[in-house]
Amino acid sequence: MSQEATAKPQKQSKLVVVLLVLVVLLLAGGGGGAYWIFTHRGVAAAAPPPPDPGIVAFDPFVVNLSDPGGTRFLRVTLRLVVDDQKHAKEMEENELGRMRVRSAILELLTQQTADHLVTPEGKAELKTAIAERAAHALHETKVVDVLFTEFVVQF
C-alpha cells in the first residue's frame, strides 16, 4: 500500500508542475507578444516627417479701410508660412507671383472694417482669408499660416 500511496502524490505533483510551467509559458508569451505589438505598431504607421516650412516676407501694407467716411486705415506687416523652403525660395525669386499674392492681399484688406479687425475673431478670420487668397494666387504652394509682425488700425 505504501507504493500506491506515494504514487498518487507524485502523479499529482508532476501534474501541478506541468500546469504551472504551462501557465508561466502562456503568461510570458502573452507579455512578450503585447510588448512587441505596443513597441512596433507605431513604426509601420509613422508618416514621414513634413519638410521644413519656408517663410515669405512682404513689405508693409497700408490701406484705407471700408468704414463709412473713409478716414480709417490699416498698417499690417505679415509673413506667409508655406509648406517648404523650396517653395518659399521660388516665390522670393518669382516677382510676378509675389506681386499677384500682394495684390490679392491688398484687395482683401481694403474690404475690411476697423470695428471687425480689432476683435480677436476678426484677426483670425483675416488670417484665414489671407491664407486662402494667397494659396489661390500661388496655385501649387500650400500656405500653412499667416504671421502678423505688425498690425495697426487707425481710428
N, C-alpha and C. Protein backbone atom coordinates (compact mmCIF):
# COMPACT_ATOMS: atom_id res chain seq x y z
N MET A 1 0.79 -1.18 0.00
CA MET A 1 0.00 0.00 0.00
C MET A 1 0.84 1.26 0.00
N SER A 2 1.96 1.16 0.56
CA SER A 2 2.81 2.33 0.63
C SER A 2 3.24 2.79 -0.75
N GLN A 3 3.40 1.87 -1.70
CA GLN A 3 3.78 2.27 -3.06
C GLN A 3 2.63 3.00 -3.74
N GLU A 4 1.41 2.53 -3.52
CA GLU A 4 0.26 3.18 -4.12
C GLU A 4 0.05 4.56 -3.51
N ALA A 5 0.25 4.71 -2.26
CA ALA A 5 0.05 5.98 -1.57
C ALA A 5 1.09 7.00 -2.03
N THR A 6 2.31 6.59 -2.28
CA THR A 6 3.34 7.52 -2.75
C THR A 6 3.20 7.81 -4.23
N ALA A 7 2.59 6.91 -5.00
CA ALA A 7 2.44 7.11 -6.44
C ALA A 7 1.43 8.22 -6.75
N LYS A 8 0.34 8.30 -5.98
CA LYS A 8 -0.67 9.33 -6.22
C LYS A 8 -0.11 10.73 -5.98
N PRO A 9 0.56 11.02 -4.86
CA PRO A 9 1.10 12.36 -4.68
C PRO A 9 2.16 12.70 -5.73
N GLN A 10 2.95 11.72 -6.19
CA GLN A 10 3.95 12.01 -7.21
C GLN A 10 3.27 12.38 -8.52
N LYS A 11 2.18 11.67 -8.90
CA LYS A 11 1.46 11.98 -10.13
C LYS A 11 0.82 13.37 -10.02
N GLN A 12 0.24 13.66 -8.86
CA GLN A 12 -0.39 14.96 -8.66
C GLN A 12 0.65 16.09 -8.67
N SER A 13 1.79 15.85 -8.06
CA SER A 13 2.82 16.88 -8.03
C SER A 13 3.39 17.11 -9.42
N LYS A 14 3.54 16.05 -10.22
CA LYS A 14 4.01 16.22 -11.61
C LYS A 14 2.99 16.99 -12.42
N LEU A 15 1.71 16.69 -12.21
CA LEU A 15 0.65 17.39 -12.92
C LEU A 15 0.62 18.88 -12.54
N VAL A 16 0.80 19.19 -11.28
CA VAL A 16 0.82 20.56 -10.82
C VAL A 16 2.02 21.30 -11.42
N VAL A 17 3.17 20.65 -11.46
CA VAL A 17 4.37 21.26 -12.03
C VAL A 17 4.17 21.54 -13.51
N VAL A 18 3.60 20.59 -14.24
CA VAL A 18 3.37 20.76 -15.68
C VAL A 18 2.38 21.91 -15.91
N LEU A 19 1.33 21.96 -15.10
CA LEU A 19 0.36 23.05 -15.24
C LEU A 19 0.99 24.40 -14.93
N LEU A 20 1.80 24.46 -13.90
CA LEU A 20 2.49 25.71 -13.56
C LEU A 20 3.43 26.16 -14.68
N VAL A 21 4.15 25.22 -15.26
CA VAL A 21 5.06 25.55 -16.37
C VAL A 21 4.25 26.07 -17.55
N LEU A 22 3.13 25.45 -17.87
CA LEU A 22 2.29 25.90 -18.98
C LEU A 22 1.74 27.31 -18.72
N VAL A 23 1.30 27.57 -17.50
CA VAL A 23 0.77 28.89 -17.16
C VAL A 23 1.87 29.94 -17.28
N VAL A 24 3.06 29.64 -16.79
CA VAL A 24 4.18 30.58 -16.88
C VAL A 24 4.53 30.84 -18.34
N LEU A 25 4.56 29.79 -19.17
CA LEU A 25 4.87 29.97 -20.60
C LEU A 25 3.80 30.81 -21.30
N LEU A 26 2.54 30.58 -20.97
CA LEU A 26 1.48 31.37 -21.59
C LEU A 26 1.57 32.84 -21.18
N LEU A 27 1.82 33.09 -19.91
CA LEU A 27 1.96 34.47 -19.45
C LEU A 27 3.17 35.16 -20.08
N ALA A 28 4.28 34.45 -20.16
CA ALA A 28 5.48 35.03 -20.76
C ALA A 28 5.26 35.30 -22.25
N GLY A 29 4.63 34.36 -22.93
CA GLY A 29 4.35 34.55 -24.35
C GLY A 29 3.39 35.70 -24.59
N GLY A 30 2.35 35.80 -23.76
CA GLY A 30 1.39 36.90 -23.89
C GLY A 30 2.05 38.24 -23.59
N GLY A 31 2.86 38.30 -22.57
CA GLY A 31 3.57 39.54 -22.24
C GLY A 31 4.53 39.95 -23.34
N GLY A 32 5.26 38.97 -23.86
CA GLY A 32 6.20 39.27 -24.96
C GLY A 32 5.47 39.73 -26.21
N GLY A 33 4.34 39.09 -26.51
CA GLY A 33 3.56 39.49 -27.67
C GLY A 33 2.98 40.89 -27.51
N ALA A 34 2.49 41.19 -26.32
CA ALA A 34 1.96 42.53 -26.06
C ALA A 34 3.06 43.58 -26.17
N TYR A 35 4.23 43.28 -25.62
CA TYR A 35 5.37 44.21 -25.72
C TYR A 35 5.71 44.46 -27.19
N TRP A 36 5.77 43.43 -27.98
CA TRP A 36 6.14 43.57 -29.39
C TRP A 36 5.09 44.40 -30.14
N ILE A 37 3.82 44.15 -29.87
CA ILE A 37 2.76 44.89 -30.55
C ILE A 37 2.83 46.37 -30.20
N PHE A 38 2.97 46.68 -28.91
CA PHE A 38 2.99 48.07 -28.48
C PHE A 38 4.24 48.82 -28.93
N THR A 39 5.35 48.14 -29.06
CA THR A 39 6.58 48.83 -29.48
C THR A 39 6.72 48.91 -30.98
N HIS A 40 6.04 48.07 -31.72
CA HIS A 40 6.21 48.06 -33.18
C HIS A 40 5.01 48.56 -33.96
N ARG A 41 3.91 48.83 -33.29
CA ARG A 41 2.73 49.26 -34.04
C ARG A 41 2.89 50.66 -34.63
N GLY A 42 3.62 51.55 -33.99
CA GLY A 42 3.81 52.90 -34.50
C GLY A 42 4.83 52.98 -35.61
N VAL A 43 5.70 52.00 -35.74
CA VAL A 43 6.76 52.04 -36.74
C VAL A 43 6.19 51.95 -38.15
N ALA A 44 5.25 51.05 -38.36
CA ALA A 44 4.70 50.87 -39.70
C ALA A 44 3.77 52.02 -40.08
N ALA A 45 3.09 52.60 -39.10
CA ALA A 45 2.11 53.63 -39.39
C ALA A 45 2.69 55.04 -39.37
N ALA A 46 3.94 55.19 -39.00
CA ALA A 46 4.53 56.52 -38.89
C ALA A 46 4.69 57.16 -40.26
N ALA A 47 4.21 58.39 -40.38
CA ALA A 47 4.32 59.12 -41.63
C ALA A 47 5.68 59.80 -41.68
N PRO A 48 6.18 60.03 -42.87
CA PRO A 48 7.46 60.73 -42.95
C PRO A 48 7.32 62.14 -42.39
N PRO A 49 8.35 62.65 -41.77
CA PRO A 49 8.24 63.99 -41.19
C PRO A 49 8.01 65.03 -42.29
N PRO A 50 7.21 66.05 -41.99
CA PRO A 50 6.95 67.07 -43.01
C PRO A 50 8.22 67.88 -43.27
N PRO A 51 8.35 68.40 -44.48
CA PRO A 51 9.53 69.20 -44.77
C PRO A 51 9.52 70.49 -43.95
N ASP A 52 10.68 71.09 -43.84
CA ASP A 52 10.77 72.35 -43.09
C ASP A 52 9.97 73.42 -43.82
N PRO A 53 9.10 74.12 -43.09
CA PRO A 53 8.32 75.17 -43.75
C PRO A 53 9.21 76.36 -44.11
N GLY A 54 8.79 77.10 -45.10
CA GLY A 54 9.50 78.30 -45.52
C GLY A 54 8.69 79.54 -45.19
N ILE A 55 9.37 80.67 -45.11
CA ILE A 55 8.69 81.93 -44.78
C ILE A 55 8.92 82.92 -45.91
N VAL A 56 7.83 83.55 -46.33
CA VAL A 56 7.89 84.57 -47.37
C VAL A 56 7.49 85.90 -46.73
N ALA A 57 8.40 86.85 -46.78
CA ALA A 57 8.16 88.16 -46.16
C ALA A 57 7.60 89.13 -47.19
N PHE A 58 6.74 90.02 -46.72
CA PHE A 58 6.18 91.07 -47.57
C PHE A 58 6.48 92.43 -46.95
N ASP A 59 6.59 93.43 -47.81
CA ASP A 59 6.71 94.80 -47.34
C ASP A 59 5.40 95.17 -46.64
N PRO A 60 5.42 96.17 -45.79
CA PRO A 60 4.19 96.55 -45.08
C PRO A 60 3.07 96.95 -46.04
N PHE A 61 1.85 96.63 -45.63
CA PHE A 61 0.65 97.02 -46.36
C PHE A 61 0.03 98.19 -45.60
N VAL A 62 -0.32 99.23 -46.31
CA VAL A 62 -1.05 100.36 -45.73
C VAL A 62 -2.26 100.60 -46.64
N VAL A 63 -3.47 100.41 -46.06
CA VAL A 63 -4.68 100.52 -46.86
C VAL A 63 -5.74 101.32 -46.13
N ASN A 64 -6.60 101.99 -46.89
CA ASN A 64 -7.80 102.60 -46.35
C ASN A 64 -8.81 101.49 -46.12
N LEU A 65 -9.46 101.53 -44.97
CA LEU A 65 -10.48 100.53 -44.67
C LEU A 65 -11.82 100.97 -45.25
N SER A 66 -12.75 100.04 -45.33
CA SER A 66 -14.04 100.34 -45.97
C SER A 66 -15.06 100.90 -44.99
N ASP A 67 -14.60 101.55 -43.94
CA ASP A 67 -15.51 102.20 -42.98
C ASP A 67 -16.18 103.41 -43.64
N PRO A 68 -17.38 103.77 -43.19
CA PRO A 68 -18.02 104.98 -43.71
C PRO A 68 -17.15 106.21 -43.43
N GLY A 69 -17.02 107.06 -44.37
CA GLY A 69 -16.19 108.26 -44.23
C GLY A 69 -14.79 108.07 -44.77
N GLY A 70 -14.32 106.86 -44.83
CA GLY A 70 -13.01 106.56 -45.43
C GLY A 70 -11.82 107.17 -44.71
N THR A 71 -11.91 107.40 -43.41
CA THR A 71 -10.80 108.05 -42.71
C THR A 71 -9.95 107.07 -41.90
N ARG A 72 -10.33 105.83 -41.85
CA ARG A 72 -9.58 104.85 -41.08
C ARG A 72 -8.68 104.04 -42.00
N PHE A 73 -7.51 103.68 -41.46
CA PHE A 73 -6.60 102.87 -42.27
C PHE A 73 -5.97 101.76 -41.44
N LEU A 74 -5.39 100.83 -42.15
CA LEU A 74 -4.73 99.66 -41.55
C LEU A 74 -3.30 99.61 -42.05
N ARG A 75 -2.38 99.39 -41.12
CA ARG A 75 -0.99 99.12 -41.49
C ARG A 75 -0.68 97.74 -40.92
N VAL A 76 -0.30 96.83 -41.81
CA VAL A 76 -0.01 95.46 -41.39
C VAL A 76 1.24 94.96 -42.14
N THR A 77 2.09 94.33 -41.39
CA THR A 77 3.24 93.63 -41.97
C THR A 77 3.03 92.16 -41.66
N LEU A 78 3.24 91.32 -42.66
CA LEU A 78 2.96 89.91 -42.45
C LEU A 78 3.99 89.03 -43.15
N ARG A 79 3.99 87.79 -42.72
CA ARG A 79 4.82 86.74 -43.32
C ARG A 79 3.90 85.57 -43.61
N LEU A 80 4.11 84.96 -44.76
CA LEU A 80 3.38 83.74 -45.10
C LEU A 80 4.28 82.55 -44.79
N VAL A 81 3.74 81.59 -44.09
CA VAL A 81 4.46 80.33 -43.85
C VAL A 81 3.94 79.36 -44.90
N VAL A 82 4.85 78.91 -45.78
CA VAL A 82 4.47 77.98 -46.85
C VAL A 82 5.00 76.59 -46.53
N ASP A 83 4.51 75.59 -47.27
CA ASP A 83 4.76 74.20 -46.93
C ASP A 83 6.23 73.78 -46.89
N ASP A 84 7.09 74.37 -47.69
CA ASP A 84 8.51 74.02 -47.59
C ASP A 84 9.41 75.17 -48.06
N GLN A 85 10.67 75.05 -47.74
CA GLN A 85 11.62 76.12 -48.05
C GLN A 85 11.84 76.28 -49.55
N LYS A 86 11.70 75.21 -50.29
CA LYS A 86 11.86 75.27 -51.75
C LYS A 86 10.82 76.21 -52.36
N HIS A 87 9.56 76.06 -51.93
CA HIS A 87 8.51 76.93 -52.45
C HIS A 87 8.72 78.38 -52.01
N ALA A 88 9.20 78.58 -50.80
CA ALA A 88 9.47 79.94 -50.32
C ALA A 88 10.55 80.60 -51.17
N LYS A 89 11.59 79.86 -51.49
CA LYS A 89 12.67 80.42 -52.31
C LYS A 89 12.18 80.72 -53.73
N GLU A 90 11.38 79.82 -54.28
CA GLU A 90 10.82 80.06 -55.61
C GLU A 90 9.96 81.31 -55.62
N MET A 91 9.18 81.52 -54.58
CA MET A 91 8.32 82.69 -54.52
C MET A 91 9.13 83.96 -54.36
N GLU A 92 10.20 83.91 -53.59
CA GLU A 92 11.07 85.09 -53.43
C GLU A 92 11.68 85.48 -54.78
N GLU A 93 12.00 84.50 -55.60
CA GLU A 93 12.64 84.75 -56.89
C GLU A 93 11.64 85.10 -57.98
N ASN A 94 10.37 84.75 -57.80
CA ASN A 94 9.33 84.98 -58.80
C ASN A 94 8.59 86.27 -58.48
N GLU A 95 9.03 87.37 -59.05
CA GLU A 95 8.43 88.68 -58.73
C GLU A 95 6.96 88.73 -59.14
N LEU A 96 6.62 88.17 -60.29
CA LEU A 96 5.23 88.20 -60.74
C LEU A 96 4.32 87.46 -59.76
N GLY A 97 4.72 86.29 -59.31
CA GLY A 97 3.93 85.53 -58.35
C GLY A 97 3.78 86.26 -57.03
N ARG A 98 4.86 86.87 -56.56
CA ARG A 98 4.82 87.63 -55.31
C ARG A 98 3.89 88.83 -55.44
N MET A 99 3.91 89.50 -56.59
CA MET A 99 3.04 90.67 -56.79
C MET A 99 1.58 90.25 -56.92
N ARG A 100 1.31 89.08 -57.48
CA ARG A 100 -0.06 88.57 -57.53
C ARG A 100 -0.60 88.32 -56.12
N VAL A 101 0.24 87.74 -55.29
CA VAL A 101 -0.18 87.49 -53.91
C VAL A 101 -0.39 88.81 -53.19
N ARG A 102 0.52 89.74 -53.36
CA ARG A 102 0.39 91.05 -52.71
C ARG A 102 -0.90 91.75 -53.15
N SER A 103 -1.19 91.69 -54.44
CA SER A 103 -2.42 92.31 -54.95
C SER A 103 -3.66 91.66 -54.36
N ALA A 104 -3.66 90.33 -54.26
CA ALA A 104 -4.81 89.63 -53.69
C ALA A 104 -5.00 90.01 -52.22
N ILE A 105 -3.90 90.15 -51.49
CA ILE A 105 -3.99 90.54 -50.09
C ILE A 105 -4.48 91.98 -49.96
N LEU A 106 -3.96 92.87 -50.81
CA LEU A 106 -4.41 94.27 -50.78
C LEU A 106 -5.92 94.38 -51.03
N GLU A 107 -6.42 93.66 -52.01
CA GLU A 107 -7.85 93.68 -52.31
C GLU A 107 -8.66 93.21 -51.09
N LEU A 108 -8.17 92.20 -50.43
CA LEU A 108 -8.86 91.68 -49.25
C LEU A 108 -8.83 92.69 -48.10
N LEU A 109 -7.68 93.30 -47.87
CA LEU A 109 -7.54 94.25 -46.76
C LEU A 109 -8.44 95.46 -46.93
N THR A 110 -8.60 95.94 -48.16
CA THR A 110 -9.43 97.13 -48.38
C THR A 110 -10.92 96.86 -48.16
N GLN A 111 -11.32 95.62 -48.07
CA GLN A 111 -12.73 95.26 -47.83
C GLN A 111 -13.06 95.18 -46.34
N GLN A 112 -12.08 95.34 -45.49
CA GLN A 112 -12.26 95.17 -44.04
C GLN A 112 -12.74 96.46 -43.38
N THR A 113 -13.35 96.31 -42.22
CA THR A 113 -13.74 97.48 -41.40
C THR A 113 -12.94 97.46 -40.10
N ALA A 114 -12.71 98.63 -39.55
CA ALA A 114 -11.92 98.75 -38.33
C ALA A 114 -12.57 98.02 -37.16
N ASP A 115 -13.87 98.16 -37.01
CA ASP A 115 -14.56 97.52 -35.89
C ASP A 115 -14.39 96.00 -35.90
N HIS A 116 -14.38 95.42 -37.08
CA HIS A 116 -14.22 93.97 -37.19
C HIS A 116 -12.77 93.55 -36.94
N LEU A 117 -11.82 94.33 -37.42
CA LEU A 117 -10.41 93.94 -37.32
C LEU A 117 -9.84 94.03 -35.91
N VAL A 118 -10.42 94.83 -35.04
CA VAL A 118 -9.87 94.98 -33.70
C VAL A 118 -10.30 93.84 -32.76
N THR A 119 -11.18 92.97 -33.21
CA THR A 119 -11.59 91.82 -32.39
C THR A 119 -10.68 90.63 -32.67
N PRO A 120 -10.50 89.75 -31.71
CA PRO A 120 -9.71 88.53 -31.97
C PRO A 120 -10.30 87.68 -33.09
N GLU A 121 -11.62 87.61 -33.15
CA GLU A 121 -12.27 86.84 -34.21
C GLU A 121 -11.98 87.45 -35.57
N GLY A 122 -12.00 88.79 -35.63
CA GLY A 122 -11.73 89.48 -36.89
C GLY A 122 -10.32 89.20 -37.40
N LYS A 123 -9.35 89.23 -36.50
CA LYS A 123 -7.97 88.93 -36.89
C LYS A 123 -7.84 87.48 -37.35
N ALA A 124 -8.48 86.55 -36.63
CA ALA A 124 -8.41 85.14 -37.02
C ALA A 124 -9.05 84.91 -38.39
N GLU A 125 -10.20 85.55 -38.62
CA GLU A 125 -10.85 85.42 -39.93
C GLU A 125 -9.99 86.02 -41.03
N LEU A 126 -9.34 87.14 -40.73
CA LEU A 126 -8.46 87.78 -41.72
C LEU A 126 -7.28 86.86 -42.06
N LYS A 127 -6.70 86.24 -41.06
CA LYS A 127 -5.59 85.30 -41.31
C LYS A 127 -6.03 84.17 -42.23
N THR A 128 -7.19 83.61 -41.94
CA THR A 128 -7.71 82.52 -42.77
C THR A 128 -7.96 82.98 -44.20
N ALA A 129 -8.56 84.14 -44.35
CA ALA A 129 -8.85 84.67 -45.68
C ALA A 129 -7.57 84.98 -46.45
N ILE A 130 -6.57 85.54 -45.77
CA ILE A 130 -5.28 85.82 -46.44
C ILE A 130 -4.64 84.52 -46.91
N ALA A 131 -4.66 83.50 -46.06
CA ALA A 131 -4.07 82.21 -46.44
C ALA A 131 -4.77 81.63 -47.65
N GLU A 132 -6.10 81.72 -47.70
CA GLU A 132 -6.85 81.19 -48.84
C GLU A 132 -6.55 81.97 -50.11
N ARG A 133 -6.56 83.30 -50.02
CA ARG A 133 -6.28 84.13 -51.20
C ARG A 133 -4.86 83.90 -51.71
N ALA A 134 -3.91 83.83 -50.80
CA ALA A 134 -2.52 83.63 -51.20
C ALA A 134 -2.33 82.25 -51.83
N ALA A 135 -2.94 81.23 -51.26
CA ALA A 135 -2.83 79.88 -51.82
C ALA A 135 -3.44 79.83 -53.22
N HIS A 136 -4.56 80.54 -53.39
CA HIS A 136 -5.19 80.58 -54.72
C HIS A 136 -4.28 81.27 -55.73
N ALA A 137 -3.62 82.34 -55.32
CA ALA A 137 -2.72 83.05 -56.23
C ALA A 137 -1.45 82.27 -56.52
N LEU A 138 -1.04 81.43 -55.59
CA LEU A 138 0.20 80.67 -55.76
C LEU A 138 0.02 79.35 -56.50
N HIS A 139 -1.17 78.85 -56.61
CA HIS A 139 -1.53 77.62 -57.31
C HIS A 139 -0.92 76.37 -56.67
N GLU A 140 0.38 76.16 -56.76
CA GLU A 140 0.99 74.90 -56.32
C GLU A 140 1.53 74.95 -54.89
N THR A 141 1.55 76.08 -54.28
CA THR A 141 2.15 76.22 -52.96
C THR A 141 1.05 76.27 -51.90
N LYS A 142 1.24 75.50 -50.85
CA LYS A 142 0.28 75.48 -49.75
C LYS A 142 0.71 76.50 -48.70
N VAL A 143 -0.21 77.38 -48.31
CA VAL A 143 0.06 78.35 -47.25
C VAL A 143 -0.36 77.71 -45.93
N VAL A 144 0.60 77.52 -45.04
CA VAL A 144 0.37 76.85 -43.77
C VAL A 144 -0.15 77.82 -42.71
N ASP A 145 0.38 79.05 -42.70
CA ASP A 145 -0.01 80.01 -41.67
C ASP A 145 0.29 81.42 -42.16
N VAL A 146 -0.34 82.38 -41.51
CA VAL A 146 -0.08 83.80 -41.75
C VAL A 146 0.35 84.38 -40.41
N LEU A 147 1.50 85.05 -40.41
CA LEU A 147 2.03 85.63 -39.17
C LEU A 147 2.03 87.14 -39.31
N PHE A 148 1.34 87.82 -38.40
CA PHE A 148 1.37 89.27 -38.37
C PHE A 148 2.57 89.71 -37.54
N THR A 149 3.41 90.57 -38.11
CA THR A 149 4.52 91.12 -37.35
C THR A 149 4.24 92.56 -36.94
N GLU A 150 3.25 93.16 -37.59
CA GLU A 150 2.78 94.49 -37.23
C GLU A 150 1.32 94.57 -37.63
N PHE A 151 0.49 95.15 -36.75
CA PHE A 151 -0.95 95.23 -37.02
C PHE A 151 -1.49 96.48 -36.32
N VAL A 152 -1.71 97.55 -37.09
CA VAL A 152 -2.16 98.83 -36.52
C VAL A 152 -3.42 99.26 -37.25
N VAL A 153 -4.49 99.48 -36.48
CA VAL A 153 -5.72 100.03 -37.04
C VAL A 153 -5.84 101.46 -36.51
N GLN A 154 -5.92 102.43 -37.41
CA GLN A 154 -6.04 103.83 -37.01
C GLN A 154 -7.52 104.18 -36.92
N PHE A 155 -7.93 104.74 -35.77
CA PHE A 155 -9.31 105.17 -35.58
C PHE A 155 -9.43 106.65 -35.73
